[in-house]
Amino acid sequence: MEYEEAKAKIVEALTKKLKSKSKFYFNDLSKILELKPREAKKIVNKLVEEGVLEYWSSGSTTMYGMPGTGKQASAEHED
């Protein structure tokens, strides 16, 4: 799968699901891409580097989301 095709697939799928949830496990993204975890990880990491996705961690769990979405998005930049 080409990177641009994977990027479009992830953005489209996450945008559709934004009304119900804003953070996704890596396994969710891997299923969207229909790739093995190692291949999906390379693409997801590149999306994070480019700012298309962002990491979110609760301390024990790492999830991914689109920047500026979710309940905490407005509070994250407050000082």
Protein backbone atom coordinates (compact mmCIF):
# COMPACT_ATOMS: atom_id res chain seq x y z
CA MET A 1 0.00 0.00 0.00
CA GLU A 2 1.34 3.40 -0.97
CA TYR A 3 1.85 5.94 1.81
CA GLU A 4 -0.54 8.53 0.34
CA GLU A 5 -3.24 5.89 -0.10
CA ALA A 6 -2.78 4.76 3.52
CA LYS A 7 -2.88 8.37 4.72
CA ALA A 8 -6.15 9.03 2.90
CA LYS A 9 -7.65 5.80 4.24
CA ILE A 10 -6.76 6.64 7.86
CA VAL A 11 -7.96 10.27 7.66
CA GLU A 12 -11.24 9.25 6.03
CA ALA A 13 -11.94 6.47 8.56
CA LEU A 14 -11.07 8.59 11.61
CA THR A 15 -13.08 11.55 10.37
CA LYS A 16 -16.16 9.32 10.00
CA LYS A 17 -15.76 8.04 13.58
CA LEU A 18 -15.03 11.41 15.23
CA LYS A 19 -18.62 11.82 16.42
CA SER A 20 -18.39 8.70 18.57
CA LYS A 21 -14.70 8.57 19.53
CA SER A 22 -11.57 10.63 19.06
CA LYS A 23 -8.77 8.30 20.20
CA PHE A 24 -7.90 4.96 18.65
CA TYR A 25 -5.71 2.03 19.61
CA PHE A 26 -2.92 1.00 17.27
CA ASN A 27 -4.82 -2.22 16.49
CA ASP A 28 -7.77 -0.12 15.26
CA LEU A 29 -5.48 1.71 12.83
CA SER A 30 -3.86 -1.53 11.71
CA LYS A 31 -7.30 -2.98 10.89
CA ILE A 32 -8.25 0.16 8.94
CA LEU A 33 -5.08 -0.17 6.87
CA GLU A 34 -5.52 -3.95 6.53
CA LEU A 35 -1.78 -4.40 7.08
CA LYS A 36 0.40 -6.45 9.37
CA PRO A 37 1.39 -4.58 12.55
CA ARG A 38 5.01 -3.97 11.51
CA GLU A 39 4.01 -2.41 8.18
CA ALA A 40 1.19 -0.41 9.79
CA LYS A 41 3.54 0.89 12.53
CA LYS A 42 5.86 2.45 9.93
CA ILE A 43 2.94 4.29 8.30
CA VAL A 44 1.38 5.38 11.60
CA ASN A 45 4.73 6.70 12.87
CA LYS A 46 5.19 8.70 9.67
CA LEU A 47 1.68 10.16 10.07
CA VAL A 48 2.59 11.23 13.62
CA GLU A 49 5.85 12.82 12.38
CA GLU A 50 3.91 14.81 9.76
CA GLY A 51 1.30 15.95 12.29
CA VAL A 52 -1.59 14.10 10.64
CA LEU A 53 -1.98 12.01 13.81
CA GLU A 54 -0.88 12.62 17.38
CA TYR A 55 -0.02 10.38 20.29
CA TRP A 56 -2.15 10.43 23.42
CA SER A 57 -1.10 8.56 26.52
CA SER A 58 -2.94 7.86 29.75
CA GLY A 59 0.30 6.66 31.30
CA SER A 60 -0.45 3.00 30.72
CA THR A 61 -2.05 3.09 27.28
CA THR A 62 -0.95 4.86 24.12
CA MET A 63 -3.61 5.86 21.65
CA TYR A 64 -3.68 7.88 18.45
CA GLY A 65 -5.97 10.66 17.33
CA MET A 66 -6.26 13.56 14.96
CA PRO A 67 -4.78 16.79 16.37
CA GLY A 68 -7.25 19.14 18.02
CA THR A 69 -9.99 16.57 18.57
CA GLY A 70 -11.43 15.03 21.70
CA LYS A 71 -12.53 16.24 25.10
CA GLN A 72 -9.04 17.23 26.25
CA ALA A 73 -8.04 19.13 23.13
CA SER A 74 -9.11 22.53 24.46
CA ALA A 75 -7.51 22.01 27.87
CA GLU A 76 -4.17 20.70 26.62
CA HIS A 77 -2.86 24.11 25.61
CA GLU A 78 -3.88 25.97 28.75
CA ASP A 79 -1.16 27.16 31.12
